[in-house]
Amino acid sequence: MKTKAYRPATFNPLSRAVLLAVGAALTLGACGSRVLTSYSAQKNLPEAIRVPAGNLAVLEAEGRGNLLYECQAIRRAPFEYAWLLRSNGLQLKDSSGRTIMYYPGARSRWVHSDGSQVSANEMVEVPGDPQSLPLQRAKAEPSTTPGALEKVSYIQNQRTQGGVVTGKPCTAAGLGMRMVVPYEADYVFWRPVS
C-alpha cells in the first residue's frame, strides 16, 4: 500500500486577504462596540467644536428617533413665528447598548441608565447642512455621581442627520400645528486625561 506525502494547502494571496478581512470583521462584531474616537480625529471637525487637548474620548452613543416641533409666536409687534422643539428627550444608545437620555434645551443634559448624569454649561454650534441640526460641542459641569458619565468634561455631537422642519413655514395660520421630524446623531463623551 502506497502512502501519500502530506502537503499543506496553499492559498493564493487574494484568498488569504479575504479570509483575514472576514476574520477581522467577525472579531470586531464579537466585541459589540465601536472603537472610540481618537483625539487625532478632531482635525476632521470644524475648529469651533473641537475638544481641547488633555481630554480623552471615553464613551460614544448614537441617537435615532423623532423630534416634535410646534409652531409658536416668538415675538409680538411685529409678530414672528418659529418652530419650537417640544420633544421631552431623545434616547441614545452607547456602544454597550445601554441607554442615555438626552434632554436638549438651554440647559442640555444627558442621563445614563446607570444613574450618572451631566449638564452643559456652555454650548457651541456649527451650522452645516440646512436640512440637519448643527454640530455641537457642550462644555459640561463634571458630575461626581459614579458611572459612565462621571467626570465628563465635553460632549460632542459629531454627525447629525435631519431634525429640522423643512418645507413647512410656521405662520399665524399654523399656530399650534405640530410636526414630527426624524433625527439621527453621533455623540462622543470626553473626560480629562488626568
C-alpha atoms as a PDB file:
ATOM      1  CA  MET A   1       0.000   0.000   0.000  1.00  0.00           C
ATOM      2  CA  LYS A   2       1.365   3.354  -1.072  1.00  0.00           C
ATOM      3  CA  THR A   3       1.052   6.341   1.252  1.00  0.00           C
ATOM      4  CA  LYS A   4       0.709   9.884   0.025  1.00  0.00           C
ATOM      5  CA  ALA A   5       3.031  12.505   1.316  1.00  0.00           C
ATOM      6  CA  TYR A   6       1.281  15.247   3.284  1.00  0.00           C
ATOM      7  CA  ARG A   7       1.431  18.562   1.545  1.00  0.00           C
ATOM      8  CA  PRO A   8      -0.032  21.625   3.298  1.00  0.00           C
ATOM      9  CA  ALA A   9      -2.717  23.503   1.381  1.00  0.00           C
ATOM     10  CA  THR A  10      -1.600  26.701  -0.231  1.00  0.00           C
ATOM     11  CA  PHE A  11      -3.639  29.855  -0.546  1.00  0.00           C
ATOM     12  CA  ASN A  12      -3.302  32.444  -3.178  1.00  0.00           C
ATOM     13  CA  PRO A  13      -2.785  35.998  -1.787  1.00  0.00           C
ATOM     14  CA  LEU A  14      -6.348  37.059  -2.661  1.00  0.00           C
ATOM     15  CA  SER A  15      -7.906  34.160  -0.715  1.00  0.00           C
ATOM     16  CA  ARG A  16      -5.674  34.914   2.267  1.00  0.00           C
ATOM     17  CA  ALA A  17      -6.718  38.615   2.216  1.00  0.00           C
ATOM     18  CA  VAL A  18     -10.395  37.670   2.047  1.00  0.00           C
ATOM     19  CA  LEU A  19     -10.041  35.272   4.988  1.00  0.00           C
ATOM     20  CA  LEU A  20      -8.197  37.896   7.033  1.00  0.00           C
ATOM     21  CA  ALA A  21     -10.866  40.509   6.272  1.00  0.00           C
ATOM     22  CA  VAL A  22     -13.699  38.133   7.225  1.00  0.00           C
ATOM     23  CA  GLY A  23     -11.871  37.148  10.425  1.00  0.00           C
ATOM     24  CA  ALA A  24     -11.312  40.786  11.375  1.00  0.00           C
ATOM     25  CA  ALA A  25     -14.965  41.625  10.735  1.00  0.00           C
ATOM     26  CA  LEU A  26     -16.121  38.710  12.890  1.00  0.00           C
ATOM     27  CA  THR A  27     -13.711  39.686  15.664  1.00  0.00           C
ATOM     28  CA  LEU A  28     -14.909  43.297  15.660  1.00  0.00           C
ATOM     29  CA  GLY A  29     -18.537  42.183  15.549  1.00  0.00           C
ATOM     30  CA  ALA A  30     -17.975  39.926  18.524  1.00  0.00           C
ATOM     31  CA  CYS A  31     -16.637  42.839  20.553  1.00  0.00           C
ATOM     32  CA  GLY A  32     -20.046  44.531  20.356  1.00  0.00           C
ATOM     33  CA  SER A  33     -18.632  48.035  20.481  1.00  0.00           C
ATOM     34  CA  ARG A  34     -17.034  50.566  18.222  1.00  0.00           C
ATOM     35  CA  VAL A  35     -13.506  51.857  18.526  1.00  0.00           C
ATOM     36  CA  LEU A  36     -13.594  55.116  20.471  1.00  0.00           C
ATOM     37  CA  THR A  37     -12.834  58.311  18.608  1.00  0.00           C
ATOM     38  CA  SER A  38      -9.178  59.187  18.875  1.00  0.00           C
ATOM     39  CA  TYR A  39      -8.085  62.716  19.656  1.00  0.00           C
ATOM     40  CA  SER A  40      -6.397  62.945  16.242  1.00  0.00           C
ATOM     41  CA  ALA A  41      -9.837  62.614  14.576  1.00  0.00           C
ATOM     42  CA  GLN A  42     -10.514  66.158  15.829  1.00  0.00           C
ATOM     43  CA  LYS A  43      -8.703  67.625  12.815  1.00  0.00           C
ATOM     44  CA  ASN A  44     -11.617  66.476  10.605  1.00  0.00           C
ATOM     45  CA  LEU A  45     -14.124  68.594  12.584  1.00  0.00           C
ATOM     46  CA  PRO A  46     -14.785  72.340  12.459  1.00  0.00           C
ATOM     47  CA  GLU A  47     -12.390  74.079  14.837  1.00  0.00           C
ATOM     48  CA  ALA A  48     -15.193  75.605  16.936  1.00  0.00           C
ATOM     49  CA  ILE A  49     -16.422  72.199  18.134  1.00  0.00           C
ATOM     50  CA  ARG A  50     -13.055  70.521  18.681  1.00  0.00           C
ATOM     51  CA  VAL A  51     -12.346  69.348  22.215  1.00  0.00           C
ATOM     52  CA  PRO A  52      -9.225  70.897  23.777  1.00  0.00           C
ATOM     53  CA  ALA A  53      -6.084  68.805  24.215  1.00  0.00           C
ATOM     54  CA  GLY A  54      -5.890  66.953  27.523  1.00  0.00           C
ATOM     55  CA  ASN A  55      -9.210  65.141  27.083  1.00  0.00           C
ATOM     56  CA  LEU A  56      -9.880  61.526  26.127  1.00  0.00           C
ATOM     57  CA  ALA A  57     -12.972  60.036  24.457  1.00  0.00           C
ATOM     58  CA  VAL A  58     -14.497  57.633  26.991  1.00  0.00           C
ATOM     59  CA  LEU A  59     -17.950  56.887  25.567  1.00  0.00           C
ATOM     60  CA  GLU A  60     -19.760  57.045  22.227  1.00  0.00           C
ATOM     61  CA  ALA A  61     -23.501  56.938  21.694  1.00  0.00           C
ATOM     62  CA  GLU A  62     -25.875  57.042  18.769  1.00  0.00           C
ATOM     63  CA  GLY A  63     -29.254  58.734  18.809  1.00  0.00           C
ATOM     64  CA  ARG A  64     -32.096  57.842  16.462  1.00  0.00           C
ATOM     65  CA  GLY A  65     -35.650  58.926  16.811  1.00  0.00           C
ATOM     66  CA  ASN A  66     -38.170  61.645  16.154  1.00  0.00           C
ATOM     67  CA  LEU A  67     -38.235  65.221  17.386  1.00  0.00           C
ATOM     68  CA  LEU A  68     -41.536  67.003  17.976  1.00  0.00           C
ATOM     69  CA  TYR A  69     -41.867  70.678  16.967  1.00  0.00           C
ATOM     70  CA  GLU A  70     -44.732  73.141  17.467  1.00  0.00           C
ATOM     71  CA  CYS A  71     -45.396  76.360  15.562  1.00  0.00           C
ATOM     72  CA  GLN A  72     -45.374  79.237  18.089  1.00  0.00           C
ATOM     73  CA  ALA A  73     -45.257  83.044  18.170  1.00  0.00           C
ATOM     74  CA  ILE A  74     -41.828  84.115  19.419  1.00  0.00           C
ATOM     75  CA  ARG A  75     -42.255  87.901  19.252  1.00  0.00           C
ATOM     76  CA  ARG A  76     -45.095  90.413  19.226  1.00  0.00           C
ATOM     77  CA  ALA A  77     -45.320  93.711  17.347  1.00  0.00           C
ATOM     78  CA  PRO A  78     -44.305  92.750  14.741  1.00  0.00           C
ATOM     79  CA  PHE A  79     -45.248  89.111  15.170  1.00  0.00           C
ATOM     80  CA  GLU A  80     -42.644  86.479  14.390  1.00  0.00           C
ATOM     81  CA  TYR A  81     -43.261  82.760  14.317  1.00  0.00           C
ATOM     82  CA  ALA A  82     -40.931  79.770  14.606  1.00  0.00           C
ATOM     83  CA  TRP A  83     -40.895  76.025  15.039  1.00  0.00           C
ATOM     84  CA  LEU A  84     -40.011  75.335  18.697  1.00  0.00           C
ATOM     85  CA  LEU A  85     -38.731  71.981  19.925  1.00  0.00           C
ATOM     86  CA  ARG A  86     -41.284  70.240  22.165  1.00  0.00           C
ATOM     87  CA  SER A  87     -39.637  66.811  22.485  1.00  0.00           C
ATOM     88  CA  ASN A  88     -39.065  65.739  26.061  1.00  0.00           C
ATOM     89  CA  GLY A  89     -35.868  63.955  25.145  1.00  0.00           C
ATOM     90  CA  LEU A  90     -34.027  61.722  22.732  1.00  0.00           C
ATOM     91  CA  GLN A  91     -32.872  58.215  23.549  1.00  0.00           C
ATOM     92  CA  LEU A  92     -29.232  57.448  22.772  1.00  0.00           C
ATOM     93  CA  LYS A  93     -27.595  54.020  22.873  1.00  0.00           C
ATOM     94  CA  ASP A  94     -23.986  53.776  23.992  1.00  0.00           C
ATOM     95  CA  SER A  95     -21.504  51.330  22.469  1.00  0.00           C
ATOM     96  CA  SER A  96     -22.548  48.680  25.032  1.00  0.00           C
ATOM     97  CA  GLY A  97     -26.249  49.060  24.204  1.00  0.00           C
ATOM     98  CA  ARG A  98     -27.105  50.971  27.398  1.00  0.00           C
ATOM     99  CA  THR A  99     -29.440  53.960  27.283  1.00  0.00           C
ATOM    100  CA  ILE A 100     -28.556  57.628  27.678  1.00  0.00           C
ATOM    101  CA  MET A 101     -31.426  60.123  27.661  1.00  0.00           C
ATOM    102  CA  TYR A 102     -30.558  63.464  26.077  1.00  0.00           C
ATOM    103  CA  TYR A 103     -32.683  66.440  27.097  1.00  0.00           C
ATOM    104  CA  PRO A 104     -31.932  69.333  24.717  1.00  0.00           C
ATOM    105  CA  GLY A 105     -32.545  72.955  25.580  1.00  0.00           C
ATOM    106  CA  ALA A 106     -31.000  75.925  27.330  1.00  0.00           C
ATOM    107  CA  ARG A 107     -29.555  73.573  29.981  1.00  0.00           C
ATOM    108  CA  SER A 108     -28.959  70.439  27.927  1.00  0.00           C
ATOM    109  CA  ARG A 109     -28.344  67.337  29.986  1.00  0.00           C
ATOM    110  CA  TRP A 110     -27.555  63.667  29.482  1.00  0.00           C
ATOM    111  CA  VAL A 111     -28.702  60.950  31.914  1.00  0.00           C
ATOM    112  CA  HIS A 112     -27.171  57.459  31.676  1.00  0.00           C
ATOM    113  CA  SER A 113     -29.151  54.349  32.646  1.00  0.00           C
ATOM    114  CA  ASP A 114     -26.564  53.728  35.405  1.00  0.00           C
ATOM    115  CA  GLY A 115     -27.755  56.918  37.168  1.00  0.00           C
ATOM    116  CA  SER A 116     -24.831  59.159  36.247  1.00  0.00           C
ATOM    117  CA  GLN A 117     -25.637  62.442  34.530  1.00  0.00           C
ATOM    118  CA  VAL A 118     -24.014  65.560  33.167  1.00  0.00           C
ATOM    119  CA  SER A 119     -25.285  69.053  32.251  1.00  0.00           C
ATOM    120  CA  ALA A 120     -23.973  71.548  29.737  1.00  0.00           C
ATOM    121  CA  ASN A 121     -22.886  74.955  30.992  1.00  0.00           C
ATOM    122  CA  GLU A 122     -21.699  76.228  27.586  1.00  0.00           C
ATOM    123  CA  MET A 123     -22.776  75.183  24.084  1.00  0.00           C
ATOM    124  CA  VAL A 124     -21.067  75.891  20.747  1.00  0.00           C
ATOM    125  CA  GLU A 125     -22.876  75.137  17.478  1.00  0.00           C
ATOM    126  CA  VAL A 126     -21.608  74.971  13.902  1.00  0.00           C
ATOM    127  CA  PRO A 127     -24.280  75.025  11.192  1.00  0.00           C
ATOM    128  CA  GLY A 128     -23.829  72.567   8.395  1.00  0.00           C
ATOM    129  CA  ASP A 129     -26.425  71.064   6.105  1.00  0.00           C
ATOM    130  CA  PRO A 130     -29.599  73.241   6.265  1.00  0.00           C
ATOM    131  CA  GLN A 131     -31.664  70.019   6.386  1.00  0.00           C
ATOM    132  CA  SER A 132     -29.948  68.955   9.650  1.00  0.00           C
ATOM    133  CA  LEU A 133     -29.415  70.304  13.143  1.00  0.00           C
ATOM    134  CA  PRO A 134     -25.982  71.886  13.720  1.00  0.00           C
ATOM    135  CA  LEU A 135     -22.942  70.067  15.049  1.00  0.00           C
ATOM    136  CA  GLN A 136     -22.371  70.869  18.733  1.00  0.00           C
ATOM    137  CA  ARG A 137     -19.815  70.834  21.477  1.00  0.00           C
ATOM    138  CA  ALA A 138     -21.019  71.194  25.034  1.00  0.00           C
ATOM    139  CA  LYS A 139     -18.690  72.051  27.875  1.00  0.00           C
ATOM    140  CA  ALA A 140     -20.052  70.152  30.850  1.00  0.00           C
ATOM    141  CA  GLU A 141     -20.261  70.645  34.559  1.00  0.00           C
ATOM    142  CA  PRO A 142     -18.409  67.481  35.614  1.00  0.00           C
ATOM    143  CA  SER A 143     -20.571  65.132  37.636  1.00  0.00           C
ATOM    144  CA  THR A 144     -19.260  63.286  40.654  1.00  0.00           C
ATOM    145  CA  THR A 145     -22.065  60.706  40.503  1.00  0.00           C
ATOM    146  CA  PRO A 146     -20.332  57.348  39.885  1.00  0.00           C
ATOM    147  CA  GLY A 147     -20.963  55.818  36.480  1.00  0.00           C
ATOM    148  CA  ALA A 148     -20.290  56.172  32.769  1.00  0.00           C
ATOM    149  CA  LEU A 149     -20.769  59.967  32.748  1.00  0.00           C
ATOM    150  CA  GLU A 150     -18.712  60.663  35.872  1.00  0.00           C
ATOM    151  CA  LYS A 151     -16.177  63.467  35.316  1.00  0.00           C
ATOM    152  CA  VAL A 152     -17.231  64.003  31.666  1.00  0.00           C
ATOM    153  CA  SER A 153     -15.898  67.400  30.589  1.00  0.00           C
ATOM    154  CA  TYR A 154     -17.183  67.707  26.995  1.00  0.00           C
ATOM    155  CA  ILE A 155     -19.925  66.197  24.863  1.00  0.00           C
ATOM    156  CA  GLN A 156     -19.620  66.440  21.109  1.00  0.00           C
ATOM    157  CA  ASN A 157     -22.292  65.923  18.500  1.00  0.00           C
ATOM    158  CA  GLN A 158     -20.056  64.903  15.587  1.00  0.00           C
ATOM    159  CA  ARG A 159     -22.667  63.952  12.999  1.00  0.00           C
ATOM    160  CA  THR A 160     -26.283  64.967  12.577  1.00  0.00           C
ATOM    161  CA  GLN A 161     -28.864  63.954  10.053  1.00  0.00           C
ATOM    162  CA  GLY A 162     -32.305  65.551   9.961  1.00  0.00           C
ATOM    163  CA  GLY A 163     -34.033  67.063  12.968  1.00  0.00           C
ATOM    164  CA  VAL A 164     -35.131  70.260  11.170  1.00  0.00           C
ATOM    165  CA  VAL A 165     -38.616  71.186   9.970  1.00  0.00           C
ATOM    166  CA  THR A 166     -38.290  71.945   6.266  1.00  0.00           C
ATOM    167  CA  GLY A 167     -40.779  72.838   3.562  1.00  0.00           C
ATOM    168  CA  LYS A 168     -43.496  73.911   6.011  1.00  0.00           C
ATOM    169  CA  PRO A 169     -43.268  77.532   7.193  1.00  0.00           C
ATOM    170  CA  CYS A 170     -44.527  78.494  10.641  1.00  0.00           C
ATOM    171  CA  THR A 171     -47.106  81.276  10.194  1.00  0.00           C
ATOM    172  CA  ALA A 172     -50.063  82.780  12.092  1.00  0.00           C
ATOM    173  CA  ALA A 173     -52.354  80.377  10.247  1.00  0.00           C
ATOM    174  CA  GLY A 174     -50.344  77.417  11.546  1.00  0.00           C
ATOM    175  CA  LEU A 175     -50.063  78.401  15.219  1.00  0.00           C
ATOM    176  CA  GLY A 176     -50.177  75.317  17.412  1.00  0.00           C
ATOM    177  CA  MET A 177     -49.500  72.963  14.488  1.00  0.00           C
ATOM    178  CA  ARG A 178     -47.108  70.134  15.355  1.00  0.00           C
ATOM    179  CA  MET A 179     -44.566  68.346  13.183  1.00  0.00           C
ATOM    180  CA  VAL A 180     -42.603  65.154  13.852  1.00  0.00           C
ATOM    181  CA  VAL A 181     -39.136  65.109  12.265  1.00  0.00           C
ATOM    182  CA  PRO A 182     -36.725  62.129  12.087  1.00  0.00           C
ATOM    183  CA  TYR A 183     -33.291  62.725  13.612  1.00  0.00           C
ATOM    184  CA  GLU A 184     -30.001  60.836  13.892  1.00  0.00           C
ATOM    185  CA  ALA A 185     -26.741  61.873  15.549  1.00  0.00           C
ATOM    186  CA  ASP A 186     -23.481  60.539  16.983  1.00  0.00           C
ATOM    187  CA  TYR A 187     -22.349  61.780  20.392  1.00  0.00           C
ATOM    188  CA  VAL A 188     -18.879  61.459  21.932  1.00  0.00           C
ATOM    189  CA  PHE A 189     -18.276  61.993  25.664  1.00  0.00           C
ATOM    190  CA  TRP A 190     -14.835  63.226  26.763  1.00  0.00           C
ATOM    191  CA  ARG A 191     -13.088  63.188  30.134  1.00  0.00           C
ATOM    192  CA  PRO A 192      -9.862  64.943  31.253  1.00  0.00           C
ATOM    193  CA  VAL A 193      -6.829  62.677  30.899  1.00  0.00           C
ATOM    194  CA  SER A 194      -5.545  63.304  34.449  1.00  0.00           C
END
